[in-house]
PDB file of N, CA and C in Angstrom:
ATOM      1  N   MET A   1     108.914 107.107  72.736  1.00  0.00           N
ATOM      2  CA  MET A   1     107.711 107.514  73.407  1.00  0.00           C
ATOM      3  C   MET A   1     107.546 106.691  74.682  1.00  0.00           C
ATOM      4  N   ILE A   2     107.049 107.349  75.723  1.00  0.00           N
ATOM      5  CA  ILE A   2     106.855 106.719  77.027  1.00  0.00           C
ATOM      6  C   ILE A   2     105.418 106.992  77.482  1.00  0.00           C
ATOM      7  N   LYS A   3     104.805 106.011  78.092  1.00  0.00           N
ATOM      8  CA  LYS A   3     103.501 106.214  78.730  1.00  0.00           C
ATOM      9  C   LYS A   3     103.723 106.059  80.222  1.00  0.00           C
ATOM     10  N   ALA A   4     103.459 107.129  80.956  1.00  0.00           N
ATOM     11  CA  ALA A   4     103.638 107.123  82.416  1.00  0.00           C
ATOM     12  C   ALA A   4     102.862 108.287  83.013  1.00  0.00           C
ATOM     13  N   PHE A   5     102.678 108.254  84.297  1.00  0.00           N
ATOM     14  CA  PHE A   5     102.027 109.312  85.080  1.00  0.00           C
ATOM     15  C   PHE A   5     100.540 109.483  84.797  1.00  0.00           C
ATOM     16  N   ASN A   6     100.077 109.221  83.573  1.00  0.00           N
ATOM     17  CA  ASN A   6      98.677 109.481  83.256  1.00  0.00           C
ATOM     18  C   ASN A   6      97.723 108.504  83.934  1.00  0.00           C
ATOM     19  N   ALA A   7      98.235 107.436  84.503  1.00  0.00           N
ATOM     20  CA  ALA A   7      97.387 106.454  85.179  1.00  0.00           C
ATOM     21  C   ALA A   7      97.287 106.727  86.681  1.00  0.00           C
ATOM     22  N   MET A   8      97.899 107.834  87.138  1.00  0.00           N
ATOM     23  CA  MET A   8      97.933 108.145  88.568  1.00  0.00           C
ATOM     24  C   MET A   8      97.091 109.375  88.873  1.00  0.00           C
ATOM     25  N   PHE A   9      96.461 109.381  90.046  1.00  0.00           N
ATOM     26  CA  PHE A   9      95.787 110.586  90.507  1.00  0.00           C
ATOM     27  C   PHE A   9      96.835 111.663  90.787  1.00  0.00           C
ATOM     28  N   ALA A  10      96.502 112.903  90.510  1.00  0.00           N
ATOM     29  CA  ALA A  10      97.433 114.009  90.713  1.00  0.00           C
ATOM     30  C   ALA A  10      97.914 114.092  92.154  1.00  0.00           C
ATOM     31  N   GLU A  11      97.049 113.754  93.106  1.00  0.00           N
ATOM     32  CA  GLU A  11      97.454 113.841  94.516  1.00  0.00           C
ATOM     33  C   GLU A  11      98.616 112.909  94.821  1.00  0.00           C
ATOM     34  N   TYR A  12      98.761 111.812  94.074  1.00  0.00           N
ATOM     35  CA  TYR A  12      99.878 110.889  94.290  1.00  0.00           C
ATOM     36  C   TYR A  12     101.140 111.350  93.570  1.00  0.00           C
ATOM     37  N   ILE A  13     100.975 112.127  92.510  1.00  0.00           N
ATOM     38  CA  ILE A  13     102.128 112.666  91.791  1.00  0.00           C
ATOM     39  C   ILE A  13     102.684 113.867  92.543  1.00  0.00           C
ATOM     40  N   MET A  14     101.786 114.728  93.043  1.00  0.00           N
ATOM     41  CA  MET A  14     102.211 115.953  93.736  1.00  0.00           C
ATOM     42  C   MET A  14     102.862 115.659  95.076  1.00  0.00           C
ATOM     43  N   ALA A  15     102.382 114.651  95.748  1.00  0.00           N
ATOM     44  CA  ALA A  15     102.903 114.339  97.084  1.00  0.00           C
ATOM     45  C   ALA A  15     104.303 113.725  96.994  1.00  0.00           C
ATOM     46  N   ASP A  16     104.993 113.725  98.097  1.00  0.00           N
ATOM     47  CA  ASP A  16     106.296 113.074  98.177  1.00  0.00           C
ATOM     48  C   ASP A  16     106.100 111.584  97.911  1.00  0.00           C
ATOM     49  N   PRO A  17     106.783 111.021  96.903  1.00  0.00           N
ATOM     50  CA  PRO A  17     106.584 109.613  96.592  1.00  0.00           C
ATOM     51  C   PRO A  17     107.192 108.658  97.629  1.00  0.00           C
ATOM     52  N   CYS A  18     107.966 109.201  98.554  1.00  0.00           N
ATOM     53  CA  CYS A  18     108.559 108.372  99.606  1.00  0.00           C
ATOM     54  C   CYS A  18     107.663 108.434 100.842  1.00  0.00           C
ATOM     55  N   HIS A  19     107.183 107.291 101.252  1.00  0.00           N
ATOM     56  CA  HIS A  19     106.305 107.181 102.413  1.00  0.00           C
ATOM     57  C   HIS A  19     107.018 106.386 103.503  1.00  0.00           C
ATOM     58  N   HIS A  20     106.483 106.387 104.697  1.00  0.00           N
ATOM     59  CA  HIS A  20     107.125 105.630 105.772  1.00  0.00           C
ATOM     60  C   HIS A  20     107.083 104.125 105.479  1.00  0.00           C
ATOM     61  N   ASP A  21     106.150 103.686 104.645  1.00  0.00           N
ATOM     62  CA  ASP A  21     106.059 102.265 104.300  1.00  0.00           C
ATOM     63  C   ASP A  21     106.843 101.891 103.049  1.00  0.00           C
ATOM     64  N   GLY A  22     107.299 102.870 102.289  1.00  0.00           N
ATOM     65  CA  GLY A  22     108.032 102.589 101.051  1.00  0.00           C
ATOM     66  C   GLY A  22     107.880 103.730 100.062  1.00  0.00           C
ATOM     67  N   ARG A  23     107.969 103.391  98.769  1.00  0.00           N
ATOM     68  CA  ARG A  23     107.888 104.406  97.709  1.00  0.00           C
ATOM     69  C   ARG A  23     106.693 104.138  96.797  1.00  0.00           C
ATOM     70  N   GLN A  24     106.081 105.228  96.335  1.00  0.00           N
ATOM     71  CA  GLN A  24     104.969 105.149  95.391  1.00  0.00           C
ATOM     72  C   GLN A  24     105.466 104.507  94.093  1.00  0.00           C
ATOM     73  N   VAL A  25     104.750 103.518  93.610  1.00  0.00           N
ATOM     74  CA  VAL A  25     105.102 102.860  92.357  1.00  0.00           C
ATOM     75  C   VAL A  25     104.670 103.733  91.190  1.00  0.00           C
ATOM     76  N   LEU A  26     105.559 103.876  90.226  1.00  0.00           N
ATOM     77  CA  LEU A  26     105.289 104.595  88.984  1.00  0.00           C
ATOM     78  C   LEU A  26     105.331 103.576  87.850  1.00  0.00           C
ATOM     79  N   PHE A  27     104.157 103.167  87.379  1.00  0.00           N
ATOM     80  CA  PHE A  27     104.093 102.245  86.255  1.00  0.00           C
ATOM     81  C   PHE A  27     104.411 103.015  84.981  1.00  0.00           C
ATOM     82  N   PHE A  28     105.163 102.385  84.085  1.00  0.00           N
ATOM     83  CA  PHE A  28     105.434 103.014  82.797  1.00  0.00           C
ATOM     84  C   PHE A  28     105.579 101.959  81.719  1.00  0.00           C
ATOM     85  N   ALA A  29     105.326 102.383  80.484  1.00  0.00           N
ATOM     86  CA  ALA A  29     105.434 101.506  79.323  1.00  0.00           C
ATOM     87  C   ALA A  29     106.299 102.190  78.279  1.00  0.00           C
ATOM     88  N   VAL A  30     107.166 101.406  77.650  1.00  0.00           N
ATOM     89  CA  VAL A  30     108.067 101.951  76.627  1.00  0.00           C
ATOM     90  C   VAL A  30     108.553 100.789  75.755  1.00  0.00           C
ATOM     91  N   ASP A  31     108.837 101.084  74.497  1.00  0.00           N
ATOM     92  CA  ASP A  31     109.302 100.049  73.567  1.00  0.00           C
ATOM     93  C   ASP A  31     110.819  99.971  73.440  1.00  0.00           C
ATOM     94  N   ASP A  32     111.511 101.025  73.773  1.00  0.00           N
ATOM     95  CA  ASP A  32     112.952 101.130  73.552  1.00  0.00           C
ATOM     96  C   ASP A  32     113.722 100.821  74.842  1.00  0.00           C
ATOM     97  N   ASP A  33     114.653  99.870  74.791  1.00  0.00           N
ATOM     98  CA  ASP A  33     115.411  99.472  75.980  1.00  0.00           C
ATOM     99  C   ASP A  33     116.251 100.611  76.553  1.00  0.00           C
ATOM    100  N   THR A  34     116.829 101.439  75.688  1.00  0.00           N
ATOM    101  CA  THR A  34     117.642 102.557  76.165  1.00  0.00           C
ATOM    102  C   THR A  34     116.768 103.575  76.886  1.00  0.00           C
ATOM    103  N   VAL A  35     115.638 103.891  76.283  1.00  0.00           N
ATOM    104  CA  VAL A  35     114.703 104.833  76.906  1.00  0.00           C
ATOM    105  C   VAL A  35     114.163 104.239  78.207  1.00  0.00           C
ATOM    106  N   ASN A  36     113.934 102.936  78.228  1.00  0.00           N
ATOM    107  CA  ASN A  36     113.482 102.245  79.442  1.00  0.00           C
ATOM    108  C   ASN A  36     114.438 102.523  80.585  1.00  0.00           C
ATOM    109  N   ALA A  37     115.716 102.285  80.369  1.00  0.00           N
ATOM    110  CA  ALA A  37     116.719 102.481  81.424  1.00  0.00           C
ATOM    111  C   ALA A  37     116.785 103.948  81.855  1.00  0.00           C
ATOM    112  N   GLU A  38     116.726 104.862  80.885  1.00  0.00           N
ATOM    113  CA  GLU A  38     116.807 106.290  81.207  1.00  0.00           C
ATOM    114  C   GLU A  38     115.584 106.752  81.994  1.00  0.00           C
ATOM    115  N   PHE A  39     114.391 106.312  81.582  1.00  0.00           N
ATOM    116  CA  PHE A  39     113.190 106.748  82.290  1.00  0.00           C
ATOM    117  C   PHE A  39     113.110 106.111  83.674  1.00  0.00           C
ATOM    118  N   ALA A  40     113.519 104.859  83.787  1.00  0.00           N
ATOM    119  CA  ALA A  40     113.517 104.199  85.098  1.00  0.00           C
ATOM    120  C   ALA A  40     114.430 104.966  86.059  1.00  0.00           C
ATOM    121  N   ALA A  41     115.601 105.370  85.576  1.00  0.00           N
ATOM    122  CA  ALA A  41     116.521 106.147  86.408  1.00  0.00           C
ATOM    123  C   ALA A  41     115.910 107.503  86.773  1.00  0.00           C
ATOM    124  N   PHE A  42     115.226 108.131  85.831  1.00  0.00           N
ATOM    125  CA  PHE A  42     114.556 109.410  86.081  1.00  0.00           C
ATOM    126  C   PHE A  42     113.481 109.245  87.155  1.00  0.00           C
ATOM    127  N   GLY A  43     112.642 108.238  87.018  1.00  0.00           N
ATOM    128  CA  GLY A  43     111.596 107.979  88.006  1.00  0.00           C
ATOM    129  C   GLY A  43     112.162 107.720  89.384  1.00  0.00           C
ATOM    130  N   GLU A  44     113.229 106.938  89.443  1.00  0.00           N
ATOM    131  CA  GLU A  44     113.884 106.647  90.723  1.00  0.00           C
ATOM    132  C   GLU A  44     114.483 107.925  91.318  1.00  0.00           C
ATOM    133  N   ALA A  45     115.063 108.782  90.470  1.00  0.00           N
ATOM    134  CA  ALA A  45     115.645 110.043  90.953  1.00  0.00           C
ATOM    135  C   ALA A  45     114.570 110.958  91.541  1.00  0.00           C
ATOM    136  N   LEU A  46     113.344 110.861  91.034  1.00  0.00           N
ATOM    137  CA  LEU A  46     112.233 111.636  91.587  1.00  0.00           C
ATOM    138  C   LEU A  46     111.718 111.047  92.890  1.00  0.00           C
ATOM    139  N   GLY A  47     112.159 109.829  93.217  1.00  0.00           N
ATOM    140  CA  GLY A  47     111.745 109.187  94.460  1.00  0.00           C
ATOM    141  C   GLY A  47     110.731 108.073  94.278  1.00  0.00           C
ATOM    142  N   PHE A  48     110.277 107.854  93.048  1.00  0.00           N
ATOM    143  CA  PHE A  48     109.320 106.794  92.770  1.00  0.00           C
ATOM    144  C   PHE A  48     110.026 105.446  92.633  1.00  0.00           C
ATOM    145  N   ALA A  49     109.257 104.381  92.742  1.00  0.00           N
ATOM    146  CA  ALA A  49     109.729 103.030  92.420  1.00  0.00           C
ATOM    147  C   ALA A  49     109.214 102.750  91.011  1.00  0.00           C
ATOM    148  N   ALA A  50     110.065 102.943  90.015  1.00  0.00           N
ATOM    149  CA  ALA A  50     109.661 102.798  88.618  1.00  0.00           C
ATOM    150  C   ALA A  50     109.503 101.316  88.262  1.00  0.00           C
ATOM    151  N   VAL A  51     108.355 100.979  87.655  1.00  0.00           N
ATOM    152  CA  VAL A  51     108.059  99.592  87.294  1.00  0.00           C
ATOM    153  C   VAL A  51     107.628  99.545  85.832  1.00  0.00           C
ATOM    154  N   LEU A  52     108.419  98.903  85.002  1.00  0.00           N
ATOM    155  CA  LEU A  52     108.093  98.706  83.593  1.00  0.00           C
ATOM    156  C   LEU A  52     106.998  97.655  83.485  1.00  0.00           C
ATOM    157  N   VAL A  53     105.916  97.993  82.782  1.00  0.00           N
ATOM    158  CA  VAL A  53     104.806  97.046  82.625  1.00  0.00           C
ATOM    159  C   VAL A  53     104.728  96.492  81.211  1.00  0.00           C
ATOM    160  N   GLY A  54     105.722  96.798  80.393  1.00  0.00           N
ATOM    161  CA  GLY A  54     105.765  96.257  79.043  1.00  0.00           C
ATOM    162  C   GLY A  54     105.926  97.348  78.007  1.00  0.00           C
ATOM    163  N   GLY A  55     105.742  96.945  76.767  1.00  0.00           N
ATOM    164  CA  GLY A  55     105.819  97.888  75.661  1.00  0.00           C
ATOM    165  C   GLY A  55     104.597  98.788  75.629  1.00  0.00           C
ATOM    166  N   LEU A  56     104.639  99.758  74.721  1.00  0.00           N
ATOM    167  CA  LEU A  56     103.547 100.721  74.641  1.00  0.00           C
ATOM    168  C   LEU A  56     102.211 100.057  74.333  1.00  0.00           C
ATOM    169  N   ARG A  57     102.213  99.061  73.491  1.00  0.00           N
ATOM    170  CA  ARG A  57     100.951  98.412  73.114  1.00  0.00           C
ATOM    171  C   ARG A  57     100.362  97.629  74.290  1.00  0.00           C
ATOM    172  N   GLU A  58     101.152  96.727  74.854  1.00  0.00           N
ATOM    173  CA  GLU A  58     100.646  95.883  75.939  1.00  0.00           C
ATOM    174  C   GLU A  58     100.541  96.649  77.251  1.00  0.00           C
ATOM    175  N   GLY A  59     101.621  97.285  77.640  1.00  0.00           N
ATOM    176  CA  GLY A  59     101.647  98.032  78.900  1.00  0.00           C
ATOM    177  C   GLY A  59     100.714  99.225  78.882  1.00  0.00           C
ATOM    178  N   GLY A  60     100.628  99.870  77.736  1.00  0.00           N
ATOM    179  CA  GLY A  60      99.732 101.012  77.604  1.00  0.00           C
ATOM    180  C   GLY A  60      98.283 100.631  77.854  1.00  0.00           C
ATOM    181  N   ARG A  61      97.900  99.455  77.417  1.00  0.00           N
ATOM    182  CA  ARG A  61      96.526  98.985  77.647  1.00  0.00           C
ATOM    183  C   ARG A  61      96.249  98.781  79.135  1.00  0.00           C
ATOM    184  N   LEU A  62      97.249  98.361  79.869  1.00  0.00           N
ATOM    185  CA  LEU A  62      97.068  98.166  81.309  1.00  0.00           C
ATOM    186  C   LEU A  62      96.797  99.485  82.023  1.00  0.00           C
ATOM    187  N   MET A  63      97.344 100.573  81.467  1.00  0.00           N
ATOM    188  CA  MET A  63      97.229 101.880  82.115  1.00  0.00           C
ATOM    189  C   MET A  63      96.153 102.770  81.521  1.00  0.00           C
ATOM    190  N   GLN A  64      95.539 102.361  80.421  1.00  0.00           N
ATOM    191  CA  GLN A  64      94.514 103.218  79.822  1.00  0.00           C
ATOM    192  C   GLN A  64      93.277 103.264  80.708  1.00  0.00           C
ATOM    193  N   LEU A  65      92.436 104.251  80.482  1.00  0.00           N
ATOM    194  CA  LEU A  65      91.224 104.427  81.272  1.00  0.00           C
ATOM    195  C   LEU A  65      90.426 103.129  81.314  1.00  0.00           C
ATOM    196  N   GLY A  66      90.150 102.672  82.509  1.00  0.00           N
ATOM    197  CA  GLY A  66      89.425 101.421  82.689  1.00  0.00           C
ATOM    198  C   GLY A  66      90.319 100.205  82.791  1.00  0.00           C
ATOM    199  N   GLY A  67      91.617 100.375  82.568  1.00  0.00           N
ATOM    200  CA  GLY A  67      92.559  99.270  82.679  1.00  0.00           C
ATOM    201  C   GLY A  67      92.861  98.956  84.136  1.00  0.00           C
ATOM    202  N   PRO A  68      93.467  97.801  84.390  1.00  0.00           N
ATOM    203  CA  PRO A  68      93.702  97.376  85.778  1.00  0.00           C
ATOM    204  C   PRO A  68      94.686  98.246  86.565  1.00  0.00           C
ATOM    205  N   LEU A  69      95.507  99.041  85.889  1.00  0.00           N
ATOM    206  CA  LEU A  69      96.467  99.875  86.613  1.00  0.00           C
ATOM    207  C   LEU A  69      96.033 101.340  86.728  1.00  0.00           C
ATOM    208  N   THR A  70      94.888 101.669  86.140  1.00  0.00           N
ATOM    209  CA  THR A  70      94.399 103.047  86.192  1.00  0.00           C
ATOM    210  C   THR A  70      94.107 103.436  87.634  1.00  0.00           C
ATOM    211  N   ALA A  71      94.752 104.506  88.084  1.00  0.00           N
ATOM    212  CA  ALA A  71      94.548 105.076  89.421  1.00  0.00           C
ATOM    213  C   ALA A  71      94.857 104.088  90.543  1.00  0.00           C
ATOM    214  N   LEU A  72      95.653 103.096  90.266  1.00  0.00           N
ATOM    215  CA  LEU A  72      96.035 102.124  91.289  1.00  0.00           C
ATOM    216  C   LEU A  72      97.154 102.718  92.144  1.00  0.00           C
ATOM    217  N   HIS A  73      96.923 102.816  93.424  1.00  0.00           N
ATOM    218  CA  HIS A  73      97.903 103.371  94.367  1.00  0.00           C
ATOM    219  C   HIS A  73      98.668 102.216  94.991  1.00  0.00           C
ATOM    220  N   VAL A  74      99.941 102.077  94.625  1.00  0.00           N
ATOM    221  CA  VAL A  74     100.761 100.967  95.077  1.00  0.00           C
ATOM    222  C   VAL A  74     102.033 101.509  95.727  1.00  0.00           C
ATOM    223  N   ILE A  75     102.388 100.959  96.853  1.00  0.00           N
ATOM    224  CA  ILE A  75     103.623 101.315  97.549  1.00  0.00           C
ATOM    225  C   ILE A  75     104.563 100.114  97.503  1.00  0.00           C
ATOM    226  N   LYS A  76     105.793 100.359  97.076  1.00  0.00           N
ATOM    227  CA  LYS A  76     106.817  99.311  97.080  1.00  0.00           C
ATOM    228  C   LYS A  76     107.566  99.413  98.396  1.00  0.00           C
ATOM    229  N   GLN A  77     107.550  98.348  99.148  1.00  0.00           N
ATOM    230  CA  GLN A  77     108.296  98.327 100.409  1.00  0.00           C
ATOM    231  C   GLN A  77     109.766  98.156 100.101  1.00  0.00           C
ATOM    232  N   ASP A  78     110.567  99.047 100.629  1.00  0.00           N
ATOM    233  CA  ASP A  78     112.027  98.987 100.386  1.00  0.00           C
ATOM    234  C   ASP A  78     112.725  98.284 101.523  1.00  0.00           C
TER     235      ASP A  78
END
């Protein structure tokens, strides 16, 4: 199981994740190392800068409604 995308406004998901300043960060949480690598590669292939924030329990709390990563718009400078 993966937690991702639900902490972002739709306008940031729909838009091109590559900006002139860098790439839109995609925070995600997962417990499985294999799934972590696969999802990170998937996010990068979509153009996002995939950032693992921890396992589902800890990382999921950061992204839940009212958490510090909810609707946070972050650009990773490449």
